[in-house]
Protein backbone atom coordinates (compact mmCIF):
# COMPACT_ATOMS: atom_id res chain seq x y z
CA UNK A 1 -2.87 26.93 19.59
CA UNK A 2 -1.82 25.68 23.17
CA UNK A 3 1.77 25.51 22.24
CA UNK A 4 1.53 28.97 20.66
CA UNK A 5 0.17 30.47 23.69
CA UNK A 6 2.35 29.13 25.88
CA UNK A 7 5.23 30.14 23.97
CA UNK A 8 4.01 33.64 23.92
CA UNK A 9 3.37 34.02 27.54
CA UNK A 10 6.84 32.23 28.10
CA UNK A 11 8.81 34.74 26.20
CA UNK A 12 6.20 37.54 27.32
CA UNK A 13 7.16 36.24 31.15
CA UNK A 14 11.12 35.68 30.35
CA UNK A 15 11.30 39.53 28.73
CA UNK A 16 9.45 41.09 31.55
CA UNK A 17 11.48 39.75 34.27
CA UNK A 18 14.98 40.65 32.62
CA UNK A 19 13.69 43.89 31.91
CA UNK A 20 12.55 44.36 35.48
CA UNK A 21 15.44 43.23 36.87
CA UNK A 22 17.61 45.34 34.43
CA UNK A 23 15.79 48.37 35.13
CA UNK A 24 15.52 47.66 38.74
CA UNK A 25 19.13 47.13 39.02
CA UNK A 26 19.70 50.49 37.18
CA UNK A 27 17.39 52.66 39.94
CA UNK A 28 19.13 50.75 43.00
CA UNK A 29 22.53 51.34 41.58
CA UNK A 30 22.23 54.86 40.92
CA UNK A 31 20.35 55.08 44.78
CA UNK A 32 23.14 52.99 46.48
CA UNK A 33 25.67 54.77 44.33
CA UNK A 34 24.66 58.25 45.59
CA UNK A 35 24.42 56.97 49.31
CA UNK A 36 28.21 55.75 48.76
CA UNK A 37 29.05 59.21 47.46
CA UNK A 38 27.22 61.20 50.55
CA UNK A 39 28.83 59.00 52.99
CA UNK A 40 32.20 59.11 51.56
CA UNK A 41 32.02 63.24 51.29
CA UNK A 42 30.49 63.34 54.78
CA UNK A 43 33.30 61.23 56.02
CA UNK A 44 36.53 63.29 54.03
CA UNK A 45 35.28 66.38 55.54
CA UNK A 46 35.58 65.39 58.76
CA UNK A 47 38.74 63.71 58.41
CA UNK A 48 40.05 67.06 56.54
CA UNK A 49 39.17 69.06 59.47
CA UNK A 50 41.18 66.44 61.99
CA UNK A 51 44.26 66.63 59.88
CA UNK A 52 43.75 70.25 59.82
CA UNK A 53 44.06 70.62 63.61
CA UNK A 54 46.22 67.80 64.68
CA UNK A 55 48.41 67.59 61.65
CA UNK A 56 49.58 64.29 59.14
CA UNK A 57 50.01 61.86 62.48
CA UNK A 58 45.53 61.88 62.82
CA UNK A 59 45.68 59.61 59.93
CA UNK A 60 47.72 56.67 61.22
CA UNK A 61 44.99 56.90 64.25
CA UNK A 62 42.23 56.12 62.05
CA UNK A 63 41.64 52.59 61.55
CA UNK A 64 38.10 51.54 61.46
CA UNK A 65 37.55 53.41 57.95
CA UNK A 66 36.45 50.76 55.20
CA UNK A 67 37.18 53.37 52.74
CA UNK A 68 41.12 53.97 51.59
CA UNK A 69 42.51 57.38 52.69
CA UNK A 70 45.21 58.91 50.76
CA UNK A 71 47.39 62.03 51.41
CA UNK A 72 49.35 63.45 48.49
CA UNK A 73 51.75 66.32 48.26
CA UNK A 74 51.32 69.56 46.31
CA UNK A 75 54.14 68.00 44.05
CA UNK A 76 51.38 64.73 43.23
CA UNK A 77 54.01 62.14 45.12
CA UNK A 78 51.81 60.03 47.76
CA UNK A 79 52.36 61.03 51.72
CA UNK A 80 50.30 58.63 52.99
CA UNK A 81 47.72 55.72 51.93
CA UNK A 82 45.93 53.74 54.14
CA UNK A 83 46.11 50.58 51.58
CA UNK A 84 49.10 50.27 49.60
CA UNK A 85 53.10 51.09 50.79
CA UNK A 86 53.96 54.59 49.59
CA UNK A 87 57.00 53.04 47.73
CA UNK A 88 54.66 51.29 45.52
CA UNK A 89 52.58 54.15 43.98
CA UNK A 90 53.59 56.66 41.39
CA UNK A 91 52.81 59.96 41.18
CA UNK A 92 49.15 60.97 41.14
CA UNK A 93 49.38 64.56 39.71
CA UNK A 94 47.57 63.61 36.36
CA UNK A 95 44.26 62.36 38.37
CA UNK A 96 41.38 64.19 37.16
CA UNK A 97 40.14 64.06 41.05
CA UNK A 98 43.88 65.51 42.29
CA UNK A 99 43.78 68.13 39.20
CA UNK A 100 39.91 69.00 40.25
CA UNK A 101 40.90 69.35 44.11
CA UNK A 102 44.04 71.63 42.96
CA UNK A 103 41.85 73.71 40.80
CA UNK A 104 38.91 74.13 42.81
CA UNK A 105 39.44 72.91 46.26
CA UNK A 106 37.59 69.67 45.85
CA UNK A 107 37.27 66.77 42.95
CA UNK A 108 35.74 63.19 41.90
CA UNK A 109 35.94 60.85 39.79
CA UNK A 110 35.04 57.16 39.21
CA UNK A 111 37.26 54.45 37.64
CA UNK A 112 38.98 51.36 37.67
CA UNK A 113 41.78 51.39 40.08
CA UNK A 114 45.10 50.26 38.70
CA UNK A 115 46.61 48.98 41.91
CA UNK A 116 43.54 47.28 43.42
CA UNK A 117 41.81 46.26 40.16
CA UNK A 118 37.97 47.33 41.10
CA UNK A 119 35.84 50.10 40.49
CA UNK A 120 36.52 52.98 42.47
CA UNK A 121 34.67 56.40 43.67
CA UNK A 122 37.37 59.20 44.47
CA UNK A 123 36.76 62.14 46.42
CA UNK A 124 39.80 64.63 46.87
CA UNK A 125 39.60 67.91 48.82
CA UNK A 126 42.71 70.43 49.24
CA UNK A 127 43.96 71.39 52.66
CA UNK A 128 44.82 74.22 53.92
CA UNK A 129 48.85 73.53 53.44
CA UNK A 130 48.13 72.82 49.60
CA UNK A 131 48.12 68.88 50.10
CA UNK A 132 45.09 67.01 48.80
CA UNK A 133 43.21 64.58 50.84
CA UNK A 134 41.36 61.80 49.00
CA UNK A 135 38.81 58.99 50.13
CA UNK A 136 38.31 56.33 47.71
CA UNK A 137 35.31 53.66 48.14
CA UNK A 138 35.02 50.65 46.01
CA UNK A 139 31.52 49.69 44.53
CA UNK A 140 30.51 47.38 42.37
CA UNK A 141 29.56 48.24 38.82
CA UNK A 142 26.14 47.77 37.50
CA UNK A 143 26.97 44.31 35.48
CA UNK A 144 28.77 43.20 38.39
CA UNK A 145 25.51 43.80 40.36
CA UNK A 146 23.25 42.31 37.71
CA UNK A 147 25.41 39.30 37.40
CA UNK A 148 24.95 38.54 41.37
CA UNK A 149 21.06 38.42 40.47
CA UNK A 150 21.21 35.95 37.72
CA UNK A 151 20.87 33.08 40.20
CA UNK A 152 17.69 34.40 41.50
CA UNK A 153 16.66 35.84 37.97
CA UNK A 154 16.94 32.10 36.65
CA UNK A 155 14.85 31.08 39.61
CA UNK A 156 12.19 33.62 39.28
CA UNK A 157 12.14 32.96 35.15
CA UNK A 158 11.69 29.20 36.07
CA UNK A 159 8.57 29.93 38.79
CA UNK A 160 7.05 32.37 36.19
CA UNK A 161 7.52 29.55 33.15
CA UNK A 162 5.52 27.13 35.55
CA UNK A 163 2.94 29.22 36.12
CA UNK A 164 2.93 30.44 32.44
CA UNK A 165 2.89 26.66 31.42
CA UNK A 166 -0.05 25.62 33.99
CA UNK A 167 -2.05 28.91 32.84
CA UNK A 168 -1.80 28.78 29.45
CA UNK A 169 -3.11 25.17 29.57
CA UNK A 170 -6.16 26.82 31.25
CA UNK A 171 -6.45 29.66 29.00
CA UNK A 172 -6.00 27.52 26.02
CA UNK A 173 -8.73 25.33 27.07
CA UNK A 174 -10.88 28.20 27.87
CA UNK A 175 -10.21 29.50 24.19
CA UNK A 176 -10.49 25.75 22.21
CA UNK A 177 -13.57 24.28 23.53
CA UNK A 178 -15.90 26.31 22.30
CA UNK A 179 -14.10 26.17 19.20
CA UNK A 180 -14.06 22.18 19.24
CA UNK A 181 -17.66 22.38 20.34
CA UNK A 182 -18.97 24.01 17.66
CA UNK A 183 -22.08 22.55 15.61
CA UNK A 184 -21.66 22.73 12.24
CA UNK A 185 -24.84 21.17 11.57
CA UNK A 186 -26.82 24.07 13.18
CA UNK A 187 -24.52 27.07 13.62
CA UNK A 188 -27.29 29.09 15.34
CA UNK A 189 -26.89 26.88 18.31
CA UNK A 190 -23.47 27.73 18.83
CA UNK A 191 -21.78 29.79 21.73
CA UNK A 192 -18.83 31.48 19.81
CA UNK A 193 -16.92 34.10 19.95
CA UNK A 194 -18.04 37.15 17.79
CA UNK A 195 -15.01 37.07 15.70
CA UNK A 196 -15.96 33.64 14.27
CA UNK A 197 -19.61 34.64 13.37
CA UNK A 198 -18.95 35.56 9.96
CA UNK A 199 -16.99 32.47 9.18
CA UNK A 200 -19.48 30.07 10.60
CA UNK A 201 -22.12 32.08 8.52
CA UNK A 202 -20.14 31.53 5.56
CA UNK A 203 -19.88 27.80 6.62
CA UNK A 204 -23.38 27.43 6.80
CA UNK A 205 -24.03 28.99 3.18
CA UNK A 206 -21.43 26.41 2.18
CA UNK A 207 -23.10 23.64 4.00
CA UNK A 208 -26.31 24.53 2.22
CA UNK A 209 -24.93 24.70 -1.17
CA UNK A 210 -22.80 21.38 -0.98
CA UNK A 211 -26.13 19.73 0.57
CA UNK A 212 -28.15 20.67 -2.38
CA UNK A 213 -25.35 19.76 -5.10
CA UNK A 214 -25.19 16.37 -2.94
CA UNK A 215 -28.42 15.69 -3.05
CA UNK A 216 -29.02 16.26 -6.59
CA UNK A 217 -25.40 14.11 -7.42
CA UNK A 218 -27.57 11.64 -5.35
CA UNK A 219 -30.68 11.09 -7.41
CA UNK A 220 -28.11 11.24 -10.69
CA UNK A 221 -26.03 8.51 -9.07
CA UNK A 222 -29.09 6.27 -8.24
CA UNK A 223 -30.72 7.00 -11.62
CA UNK A 224 -27.56 5.69 -13.43
CA UNK A 225 -26.81 2.66 -10.93
CA UNK A 226 -30.66 1.42 -11.63
CA UNK A 227 -29.94 1.31 -15.14
CA UNK A 228 -26.27 0.06 -15.33
CA UNK A 229 -25.39 -1.59 -12.03
CA UNK A 230 -27.38 -4.83 -12.76
CA UNK A 231 -25.71 -4.75 -16.48
CA UNK A 232 -23.86 -8.06 -17.07
CA UNK A 233 -22.08 -5.56 -19.82
CA UNK A 234 -19.93 -2.99 -18.71
CA UNK A 235 -20.24 0.76 -19.46
CA UNK A 236 -17.78 3.49 -19.40
CA UNK A 237 -17.91 7.20 -20.15
CA UNK A 238 -15.22 8.96 -20.68
CA UNK A 239 -14.42 12.71 -21.82
CA UNK A 240 -12.60 13.51 -24.84
CA UNK A 241 -9.12 13.20 -22.86
CA UNK A 242 -10.08 9.78 -22.62
CA UNK A 243 -10.70 10.76 -18.99
CA UNK A 244 -13.31 8.03 -17.18
CA UNK A 245 -16.12 10.06 -16.02
CA UNK A 246 -18.62 7.47 -15.14
CA UNK A 247 -18.69 3.65 -15.57
CA UNK A 248 -20.51 0.34 -13.79
CA UNK A 249 -18.97 -2.61 -11.97
CA UNK A 250 -18.98 -4.79 -14.36
CA UNK A 251 -16.77 -2.89 -16.73
CA UNK A 252 -13.91 -2.53 -13.63
CA UNK A 253 -14.76 -6.77 -13.53
CA UNK A 254 -14.83 -7.34 -17.18
CA UNK A 255 -11.41 -5.10 -17.35
CA UNK A 256 -9.78 -6.95 -14.23
CA UNK A 257 -9.47 -3.48 -12.21
CA UNK A 258 -10.54 -3.85 -8.49
CA UNK A 259 -11.05 -0.03 -8.22
CA UNK A 260 -11.35 3.23 -10.05
CA UNK A 261 -8.76 6.00 -8.49
CA UNK A 262 -10.32 9.35 -9.31
CA UNK A 263 -10.91 9.87 -12.74
CA UNK A 264 -7.84 7.75 -14.71
CA UNK A 265 -6.98 7.90 -18.35
CA UNK A 266 -9.13 4.75 -19.71
CA UNK A 267 -6.17 3.15 -21.52
CA UNK A 268 -4.72 2.59 -17.83
CA UNK A 269 -6.88 -0.57 -18.07
CA UNK A 270 -5.86 -1.59 -21.42
CA UNK A 271 -3.83 -0.58 -23.88
CA UNK A 272 -4.24 -3.20 -26.72
CA UNK A 273 -4.35 -1.61 -30.25
CA UNK A 274 -8.02 -2.51 -30.53
CA UNK A 275 -9.19 -0.99 -27.12
CA UNK A 276 -7.53 2.02 -28.33
CA UNK A 277 -8.24 2.25 -31.71
CA UNK A 278 -12.34 1.57 -31.05
CA UNK A 279 -12.10 4.90 -28.37
CA UNK A 280 -10.14 7.03 -30.73
CA UNK A 281 -12.59 6.13 -33.33
CA UNK A 282 -15.58 7.34 -30.94
CA UNK A 283 -13.45 10.53 -30.19
CA UNK A 284 -13.36 11.22 -33.71
CA UNK A 285 -17.12 10.94 -34.24
CA UNK A 286 -17.10 6.99 -35.81
CA UNK A 287 -19.13 4.20 -34.45
CA UNK A 288 -16.17 1.33 -33.64
CA UNK A 289 -16.72 -2.04 -32.65
CA UNK A 290 -13.80 -3.96 -31.69
CA UNK A 291 -12.73 -7.63 -29.92
CA UNK A 292 -10.18 -7.60 -27.67
CA UNK A 293 -8.62 -10.37 -25.23
CA UNK A 294 -7.88 -9.92 -21.65
CA UNK A 295 -6.40 -12.89 -19.57
CA UNK A 296 -7.85 -15.39 -22.28
CA UNK A 297 -11.66 -14.17 -22.51
CA UNK A 298 -12.69 -12.20 -25.30
CA UNK A 299 -14.87 -9.18 -25.28
CA UNK A 300 -16.50 -7.11 -27.78
CA UNK A 301 -16.05 -3.29 -27.65
CA UNK A 302 -18.84 -1.13 -28.70
CA UNK A 303 -17.55 2.63 -29.03
CA UNK A 304 -20.11 5.45 -29.70
CA UNK A 305 -19.43 9.22 -29.77
CA UNK A 306 -21.75 11.45 -27.30
CA UNK A 307 -22.68 15.02 -28.25
CA UNK A 308 -23.38 17.95 -26.32
CA UNK A 309 -25.66 20.00 -28.60
CA UNK A 310 -23.66 19.83 -31.47
CA UNK A 311 -20.32 19.56 -30.11
CA UNK A 312 -18.03 16.31 -29.18
CA UNK A 313 -18.07 15.69 -25.56
CA UNK A 314 -16.68 12.36 -25.43
CA UNK A 315 -17.71 8.57 -26.19
CA UNK A 316 -19.57 5.84 -24.49
CA UNK A 317 -18.51 2.27 -24.60
CA UNK A 318 -19.87 -0.94 -24.00
CA UNK A 319 -17.99 -3.97 -23.22
CA UNK A 320 -19.70 -7.57 -23.38
CA UNK A 321 -18.06 -10.63 -22.56
CA UNK A 322 -18.28 -12.99 -25.81
CA UNK A 323 -16.15 -15.91 -24.50
CA UNK A 324 -18.67 -18.99 -23.88
CA UNK A 325 -20.21 -17.42 -27.00
CA UNK A 326 -16.88 -17.77 -29.07
CA UNK A 327 -16.07 -21.04 -27.57
CA UNK A 328 -19.14 -22.41 -28.09
CA UNK A 329 -19.27 -21.38 -31.69
CA UNK A 330 -15.23 -23.07 -32.00
CA UNK A 331 -16.70 -25.75 -30.26
CA UNK A 332 -19.55 -26.18 -32.44
CA UNK A 333 -17.22 -25.98 -35.44
CA UNK A 334 -14.98 -28.41 -34.65
CA UNK A 335 -17.44 -31.01 -33.17
CA UNK A 336 -19.05 -30.51 -36.65
CA UNK A 337 -16.09 -31.51 -38.52
CA UNK A 338 -14.62 -33.98 -36.49
CA UNK A 339 -18.14 -35.81 -36.55
CA UNK A 340 -18.75 -35.17 -40.26
CA UNK A 341 -14.90 -36.67 -40.37
CA UNK A 342 -15.80 -39.91 -38.38
CA UNK A 343 -18.90 -40.68 -39.93
CA UNK A 344 -17.85 -40.12 -43.38
CA UNK A 345 -15.12 -42.85 -43.43
CA UNK A 346 -17.16 -45.51 -42.40
CA UNK A 347 -20.41 -44.72 -44.71
CA UNK A 348 -17.95 -44.39 -47.41
CA UNK A 349 -17.30 -48.02 -46.59
CA UNK A 350 -20.71 -49.16 -46.32
CA UNK A 351 -21.79 -47.40 -49.29
CA UNK A 352 -18.98 -48.50 -51.34
CA UNK A 353 -19.42 -52.35 -50.56
CA UNK A 354 -23.03 -51.80 -51.08
CA UNK A 355 -22.89 -50.53 -54.17
CA UNK A 356 -20.52 -53.33 -55.57
CA UNK A 357 -23.20 -55.94 -54.80
CA UNK A 358 -25.83 -54.10 -56.25
CA UNK A 359 -24.72 -53.91 -59.28
CA UNK A 360 -23.80 -57.44 -59.05
CA UNK A 361 -19.91 -56.65 -59.87
CA UNK A 362 -19.23 -58.83 -56.42
CA UNK A 363 -18.39 -62.46 -57.27
CA UNK A 364 -21.00 -64.84 -55.07
CA UNK A 365 -18.22 -65.91 -53.01
CA UNK A 366 -17.03 -62.28 -52.10
CA UNK A 367 -20.64 -61.18 -51.04
CA UNK A 368 -19.65 -62.37 -47.55
CA UNK A 369 -16.30 -60.36 -47.29
CA UNK A 370 -18.22 -57.16 -48.44
CA UNK A 371 -20.98 -57.66 -45.98
CA UNK A 372 -18.44 -58.35 -43.31
CA UNK A 373 -17.26 -54.84 -43.93
CA UNK A 374 -20.39 -53.70 -44.02
CA UNK A 375 -21.16 -54.70 -40.89
CA UNK A 376 -17.66 -53.75 -38.91
CA UNK A 377 -18.50 -50.15 -40.49
CA UNK A 378 -21.96 -50.20 -39.14
CA UNK A 379 -20.66 -51.05 -35.85
CA UNK A 380 -18.44 -48.26 -36.00
CA UNK A 381 -20.79 -46.08 -36.80
CA UNK A 382 -22.98 -47.88 -33.56
CA UNK A 383 -20.34 -47.57 -31.55
CA UNK A 384 -19.43 -43.84 -32.45
CA UNK A 385 -23.03 -42.67 -32.09
CA UNK A 386 -22.78 -44.29 -28.71
CA UNK A 387 -19.98 -42.68 -27.44
CA UNK A 388 -21.42 -39.35 -28.81
CA UNK A 389 -24.35 -39.95 -26.64
CA UNK A 390 -22.27 -40.71 -23.52
CA UNK A 391 -20.73 -37.49 -23.51
CA UNK A 392 -23.77 -35.42 -24.36
CA UNK A 393 -25.05 -37.28 -21.38
CA UNK A 394 -22.29 -36.41 -18.88
CA UNK A 395 -21.82 -32.95 -20.23
CA UNK A 396 -25.19 -32.15 -19.00
CA UNK A 397 -25.50 -34.51 -16.15
CA UNK A 398 -28.75 -36.69 -17.16
CA UNK A 399 -27.04 -39.95 -17.35
CA UNK A 400 -29.98 -42.20 -16.64
CA UNK A 401 -28.28 -43.84 -13.68
CA UNK A 402 -27.81 -42.90 -10.07
CA UNK A 403 -24.84 -43.36 -7.96
CA UNK A 404 -24.37 -46.09 -5.64
CA UNK A 405 -21.42 -47.90 -3.42
CA UNK A 406 -19.25 -49.50 -6.17
CA UNK A 407 -16.09 -51.63 -5.35
CA UNK A 408 -13.40 -50.09 -7.87
CA UNK A 409 -11.46 -52.87 -7.52
CA UNK A 410 -13.94 -55.38 -8.59
CA UNK A 411 -14.84 -53.31 -11.68
CA UNK A 412 -11.17 -52.92 -12.94
CA UNK A 413 -10.95 -57.02 -12.16
CA UNK A 414 -13.70 -57.60 -14.79
CA UNK A 415 -12.61 -54.86 -16.94
CA UNK A 416 -8.85 -56.85 -17.02
CA UNK A 417 -10.31 -60.24 -17.46
CA UNK A 418 -12.59 -58.92 -20.59
CA UNK A 419 -9.10 -57.26 -22.02
CA UNK A 420 -6.99 -60.56 -21.36
CA UNK A 421 -7.36 -61.65 -25.06
CA UNK A 422 -7.02 -58.21 -26.88
CA UNK A 423 -3.92 -57.95 -24.43
CA UNK A 424 -2.55 -61.50 -25.68
CA UNK A 425 -3.26 -60.65 -29.51
CA UNK A 426 -1.04 -57.32 -29.12
CA UNK A 427 1.70 -59.57 -26.98
CA UNK A 428 1.34 -57.24 -24.19
CA UNK A 429 1.23 -58.64 -19.90
CA UNK A 430 -1.94 -57.44 -18.49
CA UNK A 431 -2.55 -57.35 -14.63
CA UNK A 432 -4.14 -55.81 -11.84
CA UNK A 433 -2.66 -55.05 -8.44
CA UNK A 434 -4.41 -53.19 -5.15
CA UNK A 435 -7.03 -53.97 -2.77
CA UNK A 436 -11.02 -53.59 -2.61
CA UNK A 437 -12.15 -49.93 -2.70
CA UNK A 438 -15.43 -48.50 -2.28
CA UNK A 439 -16.27 -45.41 -4.14
CA UNK A 440 -19.86 -43.92 -4.89
CA UNK A 441 -20.56 -44.10 -8.26
CA UNK A 442 -21.79 -45.19 -11.48
CA UNK A 443 -20.56 -48.82 -12.22
CA UNK A 444 -21.50 -48.39 -16.12
CA UNK A 445 -19.36 -45.02 -16.54
CA UNK A 446 -16.54 -46.31 -13.99
CA UNK A 447 -16.59 -49.41 -16.25
CA UNK A 448 -16.38 -47.53 -19.17
CA UNK A 449 -13.83 -45.22 -17.85
CA UNK A 450 -11.53 -47.94 -17.05
CA UNK A 451 -11.80 -50.24 -20.02
CA UNK A 452 -10.97 -46.89 -22.00
CA UNK A 453 -7.74 -46.21 -20.54
CA UNK A 454 -6.50 -49.71 -20.11
CA UNK A 455 -7.47 -50.32 -23.95
CA UNK A 456 -5.49 -47.29 -25.18
CA UNK A 457 -2.80 -48.71 -22.56
CA UNK A 458 -2.56 -52.03 -24.58
CA UNK A 459 -3.08 -50.62 -28.07
CA UNK A 460 -0.22 -47.72 -27.67
CA UNK A 461 2.19 -50.27 -25.96
CA UNK A 462 5.29 -52.11 -27.53
CA UNK A 463 5.71 -55.64 -28.04
CA UNK A 464 6.31 -57.61 -24.80
CA UNK A 465 4.92 -54.31 -22.96
CA UNK A 466 3.16 -54.50 -19.54
CA UNK A 467 0.24 -52.72 -18.52
CA UNK A 468 -0.81 -52.44 -14.55
CA UNK A 469 -3.98 -51.53 -13.23
CA UNK A 470 -3.59 -50.50 -9.59
CA UNK A 471 -6.30 -50.00 -6.86
CA UNK A 472 -5.74 -48.50 -3.76
CA UNK A 473 -5.94 -45.63 -1.25
CA UNK A 474 -3.22 -42.80 -0.86
CA UNK A 475 -4.07 -39.63 1.44
CA UNK A 476 -7.32 -41.02 2.56
CA UNK A 477 -8.45 -41.03 -0.92
CA UNK A 478 -9.22 -44.15 -3.46
CA UNK A 479 -7.25 -44.16 -6.36
CA UNK A 480 -6.81 -45.90 -9.59
CA UNK A 481 -3.61 -45.81 -11.76
CA UNK A 482 -2.98 -47.57 -14.97
CA UNK A 483 0.66 -47.68 -16.01
CA UNK A 484 2.12 -48.79 -19.41
CA UNK A 485 5.77 -49.20 -20.89
CA UNK A 486 4.07 -48.07 -24.28
CA UNK A 487 5.33 -45.16 -26.63
CA UNK A 488 4.39 -42.26 -24.56
CA UNK A 489 3.04 -38.87 -25.30
CA UNK A 490 4.93 -36.36 -26.12
CA UNK A 491 5.13 -33.37 -23.40
CA UNK A 492 3.71 -30.58 -25.84
CA UNK A 493 0.32 -32.85 -26.35
CA UNK A 494 -0.58 -34.15 -23.12
CA UNK A 495 -3.01 -31.43 -22.38
CA UNK A 496 -4.92 -32.05 -25.67
CA UNK A 497 -5.26 -35.89 -24.95
CA UNK A 498 -8.45 -35.82 -23.63
CA UNK A 499 -10.11 -33.58 -26.22
CA UNK A 500 -12.88 -34.98 -28.34
CA UNK A 501 -11.10 -36.95 -31.69
CA UNK A 502 -8.03 -35.33 -30.93
CA UNK A 503 -5.34 -38.64 -31.90
CA UNK A 504 -1.26 -38.21 -30.76
CA UNK A 505 -0.81 -40.07 -33.94
CA UNK A 506 -3.17 -40.19 -36.64
CA UNK A 507 -1.66 -43.10 -38.68
CA UNK A 508 -1.26 -45.32 -35.86
CA UNK A 509 -4.49 -44.43 -34.35
CA UNK A 510 -6.19 -45.64 -37.86
CA UNK A 511 -4.12 -48.84 -37.72
CA UNK A 512 -5.79 -49.41 -33.71
CA UNK A 513 -9.26 -48.44 -34.61
CA UNK A 514 -11.74 -46.52 -32.08
CA UNK A 515 -13.80 -43.87 -32.10
CA UNK A 516 -11.42 -40.90 -30.76
CA UNK A 517 -13.85 -40.80 -27.76
CA UNK A 518 -12.71 -42.88 -25.35
CA UNK A 519 -10.31 -40.29 -23.35
CA UNK A 520 -12.75 -37.93 -23.17
CA UNK A 521 -15.43 -39.91 -21.71
CA UNK A 522 -12.77 -40.66 -19.17
CA UNK A 523 -12.32 -36.82 -18.64
CA UNK A 524 -16.20 -36.18 -18.45
CA UNK A 525 -16.50 -39.13 -16.49
CA UNK A 526 -14.06 -38.21 -13.65
CA UNK A 527 -15.78 -34.76 -13.62
CA UNK A 528 -19.02 -36.53 -13.40
CA UNK A 529 -17.95 -38.68 -10.29
CA UNK A 530 -15.72 -35.74 -8.74
CA UNK A 531 -12.71 -37.28 -9.37
CA UNK A 532 -9.11 -35.78 -10.09
CA UNK A 533 -7.45 -36.74 -13.69
CA UNK A 534 -3.69 -36.57 -13.73
CA UNK A 535 -1.38 -37.95 -16.53
CA UNK A 536 2.28 -38.51 -16.84
CA UNK A 537 4.45 -39.54 -19.69
CA UNK A 538 7.49 -40.01 -21.33
CA UNK A 539 7.87 -40.42 -25.40
CA UNK A 540 9.53 -44.19 -25.78
CA UNK A 541 9.18 -45.06 -22.25
CA UNK A 542 5.28 -44.90 -21.12
CA UNK A 543 2.32 -43.27 -19.91
CA UNK A 544 0.80 -43.42 -16.32
CA UNK A 545 -2.72 -41.77 -15.70
CA UNK A 546 -4.34 -41.65 -12.39
CA UNK A 547 -8.03 -41.07 -11.03
CA UNK A 548 -8.16 -40.13 -7.52
CA UNK A 549 -11.39 -40.14 -5.86
CA UNK A 550 -12.62 -37.79 -2.90
CA UNK A 551 -12.23 -39.33 0.48
CA UNK A 552 -15.12 -41.77 1.33
């Protein structure tokens, strides 16, 4: 507004100055022109009387006149001129003022002089002898006069603009301040212009309407939030065009969306076939249930049509995270299958050997052999059940032991001592290196972890291979590393070797024995001790397993 007022006032001021200057110049010029003509006419009649009394020689004595005096013969040739040599002048019989003076005794004209190149006023009178006496006075044109006033006009315009800027700022502030200080919360308190009263009245009505609508929406939102916001299930309400009308925070979280801008199409959050099919079925008036995967998690979508009176208005979608349920079910089935398989083999051997002894088929000298088989398989069952119990305790953090300061090197040294015979049997060199490192842990679990790692390194090694157990400190943390020169693990299976009952080479694993739970115990034991477990392996070269404990 300030710019508009300034522009308007400046433009008016400039136009006013220019128009005033132009009109004043015209008036001034006309008044000045009139006085010049009166002076020229008075002077020429004075000179006329003198010339007629004293003759043409009088003209030579006129030296103080500022006007040009010319004496023209009746034939039009110049007899005398006060400013230009007579020989340089042509015949003047065609001059308007000369023609008028010849005809009526006097004449006048205003024009640009051909010889002096300026605007002149000419007045001529006829002498008694028929000659023409003419006087010329140079006068500025109105445009020349205006040109002379331009510097003054520019100064005046700048002064007026400066005043306009100052005044427009003051005026704008006076006009705008009441508008800026309008109290839209209570329009009756405003000191306003009469012209703004209808607008403020309309704003007040709209404000009341908006307040009522906001209050209604607030109550509805609170009711909806109270019902849905504390739900772990996601809820989406969409219209027939699949535009999201309502939702809860769980829906955004489950769909991996940070926020909801406006009313986007629901397919913006997931374009999978099952997601789209569930919503489309609901918008066709059918109940639908679909399972989708998002970022390695499973979600159950339950979509139902929503009707307004008898017309289909949209759909309501409930999103339930069933990842843990599916994973537990999958683990249960896998664990059940694995345990059943692992239990079946020794039980079959035990049952078969016992049946042979029971039926008397076995010779007396073979009974010891069959009894030995029964004993070995029973020990295998006991070890398997023991390992399952250990895993269960580690999973549930219900071990019957308390953590205490443990020398990791001493535990590893004891384990190496116990495995010396196995290493010699497999023709593998077993050694321990490093220094004492104290960690907070359970000695029995740590011993089991180191034993399982070292035993695997021996069993899956080569003839004349080597196993090194190193205990030391790196990066401020205690560390145990078991390195072997064995058969190695394919890269594609490294992430699976710590799974329960998983075996890289099932045929070889059968020969080396074991329950298949050793590395699982290592994994869960590491988690129990807040240790980091890492494995590096190259097929045919060897394997390196590292346990890094937190800084003590």
